[in-house]
Protein backbone atom coordinates (compact mmCIF):
# COMPACT_ATOMS: atom_id res chain seq x y z
CA MET A 1 -42.56 109.37 17.94
CA GLY A 2 -45.02 112.23 17.64
CA TRP A 3 -45.74 115.05 15.28
CA THR A 4 -43.24 117.64 14.17
CA LYS A 5 -43.02 120.14 17.02
CA PRO A 6 -42.61 123.77 15.91
CA SER A 7 -39.41 125.43 17.04
CA GLY A 8 -39.13 128.12 19.67
CA LYS A 9 -39.38 130.66 16.86
CA ILE A 10 -42.88 129.51 15.90
CA ALA A 11 -44.00 129.27 19.51
CA SER A 12 -42.60 132.73 20.26
CA PHE A 13 -44.42 134.17 17.24
CA PHE A 14 -47.78 132.85 18.39
CA LYS A 15 -47.22 133.76 22.04
CA THR A 16 -47.09 137.44 21.11
CA GLY A 17 -50.80 137.04 20.32
CA PRO A 18 -53.62 136.99 22.88
CA GLN A 19 -54.01 133.94 25.09
CA TYR A 20 -57.27 132.00 25.39
CA ARG A 21 -58.21 129.34 27.92
CA TYR A 22 -60.91 126.73 27.42
CA LYS A 23 -62.33 124.15 29.77
CA LYS A 24 -62.81 120.53 28.80
CA GLY A 25 -65.91 120.26 26.62
CA GLU A 26 -65.92 123.89 25.45
CA ILE A 27 -66.28 124.57 21.73
CA ILE A 28 -63.53 126.73 20.25
CA ILE A 29 -64.77 126.94 16.64
CA ARG A 30 -68.15 125.91 15.23
CA PRO A 31 -69.23 125.18 11.66
CA GLU A 32 -70.08 128.36 9.77
CA ASP A 33 -67.78 130.42 12.01
CA ILE A 34 -65.26 132.52 10.14
CA PRO A 35 -62.16 132.05 12.32
CA SER A 36 -60.69 135.19 13.84
CA GLY A 37 -57.15 134.01 13.21
CA ILE A 38 -54.75 131.07 13.35
CA TYR A 39 -54.56 129.23 16.67
CA TYR A 40 -51.55 127.60 18.30
CA VAL A 41 -51.98 124.98 21.02
CA GLU A 42 -49.73 125.77 23.97
CA LYS A 43 -51.27 123.24 26.33
CA GLY A 44 -53.97 120.59 26.21
CA PHE A 45 -55.76 118.56 23.56
CA ILE A 46 -58.49 119.31 21.01
CA LYS A 47 -60.70 117.16 18.81
CA ALA A 48 -61.90 118.24 15.37
CA TYR A 49 -65.10 116.70 14.07
CA SER A 50 -68.25 117.03 12.02
CA ILE A 51 -71.76 115.84 12.85
CA THR A 52 -73.25 113.01 10.81
CA LEU A 53 -76.86 112.86 9.65
CA ASP A 54 -77.75 110.62 12.60
CA GLY A 55 -76.28 113.14 15.04
CA SER A 56 -73.04 111.29 15.82
CA GLU A 57 -69.62 112.88 15.93
CA ASN A 58 -67.23 112.03 13.11
CA ILE A 59 -63.85 112.79 14.69
CA PHE A 60 -61.10 113.15 12.12
CA LEU A 61 -58.26 114.73 14.08
CA PHE A 62 -56.83 115.17 17.57
CA LEU A 63 -54.54 118.15 18.18
CA GLN A 64 -51.83 118.28 20.83
CA PRO A 65 -49.43 120.98 22.11
CA GLY A 66 -47.66 122.52 19.13
CA GLY A 67 -50.69 122.01 16.89
CA ILE A 68 -51.86 124.80 14.58
CA PHE A 69 -55.46 125.16 13.37
CA PRO A 70 -57.77 125.52 11.51
CA GLY A 71 -55.66 124.11 8.69
CA HIS A 72 -57.92 124.98 5.75
CA TRP A 73 -58.21 128.63 6.81
CA GLN A 74 -54.47 129.14 6.58
CA TYR A 75 -54.84 128.85 2.81
CA SER A 76 -58.48 129.88 2.21
CA PRO A 77 -59.10 133.23 3.93
CA ASN A 78 -62.63 134.26 4.88
CA GLU A 79 -63.90 130.71 4.34
CA GLU A 80 -66.35 129.43 6.94
CA SER A 81 -65.28 126.60 9.18
CA LYS A 82 -66.75 123.23 8.26
CA HIS A 83 -65.97 121.53 11.55
CA TYR A 84 -66.17 121.76 15.31
CA TYR A 85 -62.99 122.19 17.34
CA GLU A 86 -63.59 121.17 20.96
CA ALA A 87 -61.31 120.99 23.99
CA ILE A 88 -61.01 117.45 25.39
CA SER A 89 -58.87 118.69 28.29
CA PRO A 90 -58.16 122.13 29.74
CA VAL A 91 -56.56 124.05 26.87
CA ILE A 92 -54.37 127.14 26.49
CA LEU A 93 -54.27 128.68 23.01
CA HIS A 94 -52.68 131.69 21.35
CA ARG A 95 -54.09 133.38 18.27
CA LYS A 96 -52.48 135.46 15.55
CA ALA A 97 -54.12 137.35 12.72
CA LYS A 98 -53.87 135.63 9.37
CA VAL A 99 -52.08 138.61 7.84
CA ASP A 100 -49.33 138.25 10.46
CA PHE A 101 -49.16 134.51 9.85
CA ASP A 102 -48.87 135.09 6.09
CA THR A 103 -46.08 137.59 6.64
CA LEU A 104 -44.17 135.07 8.74
CA ILE A 105 -44.32 132.19 6.27
CA THR A 106 -43.53 134.40 3.26
CA SER A 107 -40.61 136.21 4.88
CA ASP A 108 -38.99 133.42 6.89
CA LEU A 109 -38.07 130.28 4.93
CA GLU A 110 -37.22 128.26 8.05
CA ALA A 111 -40.56 129.09 9.66
CA SER A 112 -42.38 128.27 6.43
CA ARG A 113 -40.74 124.85 6.25
CA GLU A 114 -41.68 124.09 9.85
CA ILE A 115 -45.30 125.10 9.32
CA HIS A 116 -45.51 122.92 6.21
CA ALA A 117 -43.98 120.01 8.14
CA VAL A 118 -46.73 120.37 10.75
CA MET A 119 -49.37 120.44 8.01
CA LEU A 120 -47.82 117.36 6.38
CA ASP A 121 -48.18 115.51 9.68
CA VAL A 122 -51.90 116.34 9.62
CA VAL A 123 -52.21 115.04 6.05
CA ASN A 124 -50.42 111.81 7.00
CA THR A 125 -52.72 111.37 10.00
CA LEU A 126 -55.79 111.77 7.79
CA ALA A 127 -54.35 109.29 5.28
CA GLN A 128 -53.86 106.75 8.09
CA ARG A 129 -57.47 107.27 9.14
CA ILE A 130 -58.68 106.53 5.60
CA GLU A 131 -56.55 103.39 5.54
CA ASN A 132 -58.00 102.33 8.88
CA LEU A 133 -61.58 102.72 7.65
CA GLU A 134 -60.86 100.30 4.80
CA HIS A 135 -60.74 97.47 7.35
CA THR A 136 -64.17 96.02 7.99
CA ASN A 137 -63.23 93.92 11.02
CA ALA A 138 -63.71 95.87 14.26
CA TYR A 139 -60.87 94.16 16.14
CA ALA A 140 -58.34 94.82 13.37
CA ARG A 141 -59.50 98.42 13.07
CA VAL A 142 -59.06 99.04 16.81
CA VAL A 143 -55.57 97.51 16.81
CA LEU A 144 -54.50 99.54 13.79
CA HIS A 145 -55.91 102.72 15.32
CA LEU A 146 -53.94 102.16 18.52
CA LEU A 147 -50.76 101.70 16.51
CA GLY A 148 -51.48 104.90 14.59
CA LEU A 149 -52.18 106.88 17.77
CA ALA A 150 -48.92 105.58 19.20
CA MET A 151 -47.03 107.11 16.29
CA VAL A 152 -48.51 110.54 17.05
CA PHE A 153 -49.06 110.63 20.82
CA GLY A 154 -46.89 107.80 22.09
CA ASN A 155 -44.44 108.19 24.95
CA GLN A 156 -42.30 105.05 24.88
CA LYS A 157 -40.50 103.56 27.86
CA GLU A 158 -38.84 100.27 26.99
CA ASN A 159 -41.52 98.35 25.09
CA LYS A 160 -44.48 100.16 26.67
CA ILE A 161 -46.10 103.11 24.93
CA THR A 162 -48.49 105.46 26.71
CA LEU A 163 -50.82 107.45 24.47
CA GLU A 164 -50.56 110.90 26.00
CA VAL A 165 -53.93 112.09 24.76
CA PRO A 166 -56.96 111.65 27.05
CA LEU A 167 -59.44 109.48 25.17
CA THR A 168 -62.85 108.35 26.29
CA HIS A 169 -64.18 105.23 24.60
CA TYR A 170 -66.69 107.52 22.89
CA ASP A 171 -63.96 109.64 21.28
CA PHE A 172 -61.86 106.60 20.43
CA ALA A 173 -64.83 104.95 18.74
CA HIS A 174 -66.02 108.00 16.83
CA SER A 175 -62.55 108.63 15.42
CA ILE A 176 -62.85 105.34 13.49
CA ASN A 177 -66.59 105.40 12.68
CA MET A 178 -67.48 102.78 15.26
CA SER A 179 -70.05 102.60 18.04
CA ARG A 180 -68.80 103.12 21.57
CA GLU A 181 -70.11 99.70 22.57
CA THR A 182 -68.18 97.96 19.80
CA ALA A 183 -64.95 99.84 20.54
CA SER A 184 -65.25 99.09 24.26
CA ARG A 185 -65.75 95.39 23.54
CA GLU A 186 -62.68 95.19 21.30
CA LEU A 187 -60.53 97.18 23.75
CA GLU A 188 -61.60 94.78 26.51
CA LYS A 189 -60.34 91.85 24.40
CA LEU A 190 -56.94 93.53 24.20
CA LYS A 191 -56.91 94.10 27.96
CA LYS A 192 -57.62 90.42 28.58
CA LYS A 193 -54.63 89.58 26.38
CA ASN A 194 -52.51 92.03 28.45
CA LEU A 195 -51.75 94.05 25.33
CA ILE A 196 -53.15 97.33 26.68
CA SER A 197 -54.13 98.92 29.97
CA GLU A 198 -56.13 102.06 30.80
CA LYS A 199 -55.96 104.63 33.58
CA ASN A 200 -57.56 108.08 33.72
CA HIS A 201 -58.50 107.89 30.02
CA LEU A 202 -54.87 107.23 29.04
CA ILE A 203 -54.23 104.02 27.13
CA THR A 204 -50.91 102.22 27.52
CA ILE A 205 -49.79 99.66 24.97
CA THR A 206 -48.02 97.18 27.20
CA ASP A 207 -46.15 95.44 24.39
CA SER A 208 -46.04 97.29 21.08
CA GLN A 209 -44.37 94.44 19.20
CA LYS A 210 -47.02 91.93 20.27
CA LEU A 211 -49.77 94.39 19.36
CA ARG A 212 -48.34 94.75 15.86
CA GLN A 213 -48.08 90.96 15.63
CA GLU A 214 -51.73 90.74 16.67
CA PHE A 215 -52.69 92.75 13.60
CA ASP A 216 -50.37 90.78 11.29
CA VAL A 217 -51.55 87.39 12.58
CA PHE A 218 -55.19 88.40 12.18
CA TYR A 219 -54.73 88.92 8.45
CA GLU A 220 -52.51 85.89 8.00
CA ASN A 221 -55.34 83.75 9.40
CA LYS A 222 -58.09 85.28 7.27
């Protein structure tokens, strides 16, 4: 499970750049900022989002250790950011100038392949989010989102999977265009069925097979 993790070569490249530390809730990049370079997540978790017309967050991506951002700027230099990047836990980052990053991926085929694998994981995550939003039923959408998060952040022990990304109900809800109240209600239904548990903002899927069956049965009975 999980995203492609860059090799020691990629990590070593970024760690020659300056280190930055952010507290939970601090903004790393804002819309209209022109990023100062490419960031690598050494430790912690980040959410990327835009603000809707009604002032709500539209979260489209969570980044974990090994993540590289902002993705669009790697290919469109001097373009302003269109999104917020905010720490959702204490974060340690390293930054490299884009010219150095370009030199790496044009001179080292192995490094280039690894970077593109990381970017492909991001594309697949965004595709899953679009698929999720096609479901109009809140319960089905929550179940599918949990299964998708498990593929990226899951740490499996036997049939239990802990999502190793700290998620408030607010962030969970706003990553699938749902109100916090609705998401909390649907998550509570899953708790009552003993399909998930929560502790310190970490969600554990107590039986991944039964959770998948829950989604399948829902659509069989429609």
